[in-house]
Amino acid sequence: MQPSYGEKVLLVDDSQAITALLRARCEAVAGVTTESAGSLAEVMASIESDPDRFFLAVVDLNLPDAPDGEVVDYILAHDIPVGGAHRPLRRRHARAHSGQERR
């Protein structure tokens, strides 16, 4: 079964400031509409009501009710591609490539 992709980006972050910034950039630069969720519970409600409206989810990997990135598994199970980064992961990645990895 081929997934069908909708017209919105699902922004998942518990920080309203980050969500507002992402929404502004998505709409101004890429011209896409967004919907936001601040928790795994909100993601579940949004996807259950109409999973086909999303073509991408940009995800915070450390939500209060999903601290280990469980939200990614849930979103992927509904055939919605996931993108995103979490600041500690970026720092760790940068140190690894600069030869400054902490031991």
Protein backbone atom coordinates (compact mmCIF):
# COMPACT_ATOMS: atom_id res chain seq x y z
CA MET A 1 0.00 0.00 0.00
CA GLN A 2 1.44 3.36 -1.04
CA PRO A 3 1.19 6.12 1.57
CA SER A 4 -0.76 9.19 0.53
CA TYR A 5 0.73 12.49 1.59
CA GLY A 6 -1.28 15.50 2.65
CA GLU A 7 -0.67 19.21 2.51
CA LYS A 8 0.48 20.07 6.05
CA VAL A 9 3.65 19.77 8.09
CA LEU A 10 3.12 18.53 11.64
CA LEU A 11 5.38 20.48 14.03
CA VAL A 12 6.01 18.58 17.25
CA ASP A 13 7.70 20.50 20.07
CA ASP A 14 6.77 21.32 23.65
CA SER A 15 8.29 24.81 23.30
CA GLN A 16 5.78 27.31 21.96
CA ALA A 17 8.61 29.66 20.96
CA ILE A 18 10.29 27.01 18.81
CA THR A 19 6.97 25.99 17.30
CA ALA A 20 6.19 29.61 16.42
CA LEU A 21 9.61 30.03 14.79
CA LEU A 22 9.26 26.81 12.79
CA ARG A 23 5.73 27.72 11.73
CA ALA A 24 6.84 31.16 10.52
CA ARG A 25 9.74 29.70 8.53
CA CYS A 26 7.67 26.90 7.00
CA GLU A 27 4.96 29.29 5.91
CA ALA A 28 7.18 32.19 4.75
CA VAL A 29 10.02 30.27 3.12
CA ALA A 30 8.42 27.04 1.93
CA GLY A 31 4.82 28.20 1.60
CA VAL A 32 3.41 25.23 3.51
CA THR A 33 0.76 25.20 6.18
CA THR A 34 1.46 23.65 9.54
CA GLU A 35 -0.26 22.16 12.52
CA SER A 36 1.44 21.89 15.89
CA ALA A 37 1.44 19.44 18.77
CA GLY A 38 3.28 19.81 22.07
CA SER A 39 3.11 16.23 23.33
CA LEU A 40 2.79 12.63 22.20
CA ALA A 41 -0.85 12.72 23.31
CA GLU A 42 -1.53 15.70 21.04
CA VAL A 43 0.28 14.00 18.15
CA MET A 44 -1.84 10.91 18.61
CA ALA A 45 -5.06 12.95 18.60
CA SER A 46 -4.02 14.89 15.48
CA ILE A 47 -2.99 11.83 13.53
CA GLU A 48 -5.97 9.73 14.59
CA SER A 49 -8.41 12.43 13.45
CA ASP A 50 -6.94 12.62 9.92
CA PRO A 51 -3.51 11.06 9.26
CA ASP A 52 -3.59 11.78 5.53
CA ARG A 53 -3.35 15.56 5.95
CA PHE A 54 0.38 15.47 6.83
CA PHE A 55 3.25 15.04 4.38
CA LEU A 56 6.01 15.57 6.97
CA ALA A 57 6.53 15.80 10.71
CA VAL A 58 9.31 17.91 12.24
CA VAL A 59 9.90 16.45 15.66
CA ASP A 60 11.47 17.30 19.02
CA LEU A 61 12.89 14.01 20.26
CA ASN A 62 12.50 14.86 23.95
CA LEU A 63 8.86 15.48 24.80
CA PRO A 64 7.58 15.37 28.40
CA ASP A 65 5.42 12.31 27.67
CA ALA A 66 7.87 10.75 25.19
CA PRO A 67 11.40 11.46 26.48
CA ASP A 68 13.08 8.75 24.42
CA GLY A 69 11.72 9.74 21.02
CA GLU A 70 8.71 7.40 21.09
CA VAL A 71 6.81 9.99 19.07
CA VAL A 72 8.94 9.10 16.03
CA ASP A 73 7.82 5.47 16.11
CA TYR A 74 4.20 6.53 16.37
CA ILE A 75 4.43 8.95 13.45
CA LEU A 76 6.35 6.54 11.23
CA ALA A 77 3.78 3.82 11.95
CA HIS A 78 1.30 6.10 10.17
CA ASP A 79 3.54 6.45 7.09
CA ILE A 80 4.40 10.09 7.76
CA PRO A 81 8.07 10.95 7.08
CA VAL A 82 9.92 12.45 10.05
CA GLY A 83 12.59 15.13 10.14
CA GLY A 84 14.13 17.10 12.97
CA ALA A 85 17.00 17.44 15.33
CA HIS A 86 17.50 17.85 19.02
CA ARG A 87 20.20 20.24 20.19
CA PRO A 88 22.23 17.69 22.26
CA LEU A 89 22.32 15.35 19.25
CA ARG A 90 23.67 18.13 17.05
CA ARG A 91 26.36 19.02 19.57
CA ARG A 92 27.42 15.42 19.93
CA HIS A 93 27.50 15.02 16.15
CA ALA A 94 29.60 18.18 15.74
CA ARG A 95 32.13 17.07 18.39
CA ALA A 96 32.45 13.66 16.77
CA HIS A 97 33.34 15.22 13.42
CA SER A 98 35.72 17.82 14.86
CA GLY A 99 37.80 15.33 16.82
CA GLN A 100 36.59 16.77 20.15
CA GLU A 101 34.32 13.89 21.17
CA ARG A 102 33.98 13.63 24.96
CA ARG A 103 35.00 10.36 26.47
